[in-house]
Amino acid sequence: MPNYVSVAKTSDIRPGRGKAFTFKGRRIAVFNDNGDFCALSNTCAHAMGSLGRGRVRNGVVTCPVHGYAYDTKTGACRTDTRLKVETYEVTVEDDEVKMMQ
């Protein structure tokens, strides 16, 4: 059985927004896509902007620096198909957003 660790409370991340955390030595961004939570690398592959400061809508995270858009399930960049960011599995239990240890 996988071991999950809490990284945030669901109430810590407003709908449509993200928040950056350090998890296992990596900067990750957890997003609340209207109650669906997902996690990506916090660093935009285009210009190293903080994705956690961006917005999420309908499964797409938009970087606040230059507007590059990333699919939350695959990490593929919709703006430049040569780019991609890492995605991470999350689960929600009660009011906790958890990632696999």
Protein backbone atom coordinates (compact mmCIF):
# COMPACT_ATOMS: atom_id res chain seq x y z
CA MET A 1 0.00 0.00 0.00
CA PRO A 2 1.47 3.40 -1.01
CA ASN A 3 2.45 5.84 1.70
CA TYR A 4 1.06 9.35 1.15
CA VAL A 5 2.21 12.53 2.87
CA SER A 6 0.11 15.65 3.36
CA VAL A 7 1.42 18.73 1.51
CA ALA A 8 -1.50 21.13 2.05
CA LYS A 9 -5.06 21.49 3.20
CA THR A 10 -7.59 21.85 0.39
CA SER A 11 -8.67 25.17 1.90
CA ASP A 12 -5.09 26.51 1.50
CA ILE A 13 -5.44 26.62 -2.31
CA ARG A 14 -8.23 28.74 -3.75
CA PRO A 15 -10.18 27.43 -6.77
CA GLY A 16 -8.42 28.37 -10.01
CA ARG A 17 -5.12 28.97 -8.25
CA GLY A 18 -1.97 27.14 -7.24
CA LYS A 19 0.58 27.13 -4.47
CA ALA A 20 4.24 26.12 -4.54
CA PHE A 21 5.79 23.66 -2.09
CA THR A 22 9.06 21.82 -1.65
CA PHE A 23 8.48 18.07 -1.75
CA LYS A 24 11.27 15.51 -1.71
CA GLY A 25 13.76 18.26 -2.56
CA ARG A 26 11.79 19.49 -5.59
CA ARG A 27 9.72 22.63 -6.07
CA ILE A 28 6.23 21.54 -7.06
CA ALA A 29 3.01 23.48 -7.58
CA VAL A 30 -0.33 22.09 -6.41
CA PHE A 31 -3.41 23.47 -8.17
CA ASN A 32 -7.12 23.53 -7.36
CA ASP A 33 -9.01 23.20 -10.64
CA ASN A 34 -12.46 23.82 -9.09
CA GLY A 35 -12.10 20.97 -6.61
CA ASP A 36 -9.86 18.73 -8.73
CA PHE A 37 -6.32 18.86 -7.38
CA CYS A 38 -3.19 18.24 -9.45
CA ALA A 39 0.55 18.83 -9.14
CA LEU A 40 3.22 19.89 -11.62
CA SER A 41 6.79 21.06 -11.48
CA ASN A 42 6.73 24.64 -10.22
CA THR A 43 9.15 25.77 -12.94
CA CYS A 44 7.90 26.75 -16.39
CA ALA A 45 9.98 25.03 -19.07
CA HIS A 46 9.96 28.20 -21.19
CA ALA A 47 11.43 30.93 -18.99
CA MET A 48 11.67 29.36 -15.52
CA GLY A 49 8.62 31.26 -14.19
CA SER A 50 6.79 30.03 -11.09
CA LEU A 51 3.78 28.02 -12.29
CA GLY A 52 2.44 28.04 -8.73
CA ARG A 53 1.68 31.74 -9.18
CA GLY A 54 -0.34 31.01 -12.30
CA ARG A 55 -3.95 30.08 -12.82
CA VAL A 56 -5.62 26.78 -13.68
CA ARG A 57 -8.81 26.27 -15.63
CA ASN A 58 -10.27 23.19 -17.32
CA GLY A 59 -7.09 21.16 -16.91
CA VAL A 60 -4.71 23.86 -18.16
CA VAL A 61 -2.20 25.80 -16.05
CA THR A 62 -1.07 29.16 -17.44
CA CYS A 63 2.34 30.55 -16.47
CA PRO A 64 2.07 34.12 -15.17
CA VAL A 65 5.31 35.23 -16.87
CA HIS A 66 4.63 34.74 -20.61
CA GLY A 67 1.32 32.85 -20.68
CA TYR A 68 2.64 29.42 -21.65
CA ALA A 69 -0.08 26.81 -21.04
CA TYR A 70 0.47 23.28 -19.67
CA ASP A 71 -1.87 20.28 -19.57
CA THR A 72 -2.31 19.26 -15.91
CA LYS A 73 -2.54 15.53 -16.69
CA THR A 74 0.43 15.15 -19.04
CA GLY A 75 2.57 18.25 -18.40
CA ALA A 76 2.69 18.88 -22.16
CA CYS A 77 2.96 22.51 -23.17
CA ARG A 78 0.13 23.63 -25.43
CA THR A 79 1.97 26.81 -26.42
CA ASP A 80 5.18 25.11 -27.57
CA THR A 81 4.86 21.36 -28.12
CA ARG A 82 8.62 20.89 -27.64
CA LEU A 83 8.25 21.74 -23.94
CA LYS A 84 6.95 19.68 -21.04
CA VAL A 85 6.94 19.80 -17.23
CA GLU A 86 6.87 16.94 -14.74
CA THR A 87 3.50 15.91 -13.28
CA TYR A 88 2.95 14.30 -9.88
CA GLU A 89 0.22 12.09 -8.51
CA VAL A 90 -1.94 13.60 -5.77
CA THR A 91 -4.84 12.30 -3.75
CA VAL A 92 -7.30 14.08 -1.47
CA GLU A 93 -8.36 12.56 1.84
CA ASP A 94 -10.68 14.55 4.07
CA ASP A 95 -9.29 18.11 3.81
CA GLU A 96 -5.72 17.05 2.98
CA VAL A 97 -3.93 17.13 -0.38
CA LYS A 98 -1.42 14.27 -0.30
CA MET A 99 1.45 13.09 -2.49
CA MET A 100 3.08 9.67 -2.62
CA GLN A 101 6.13 9.45 -0.35
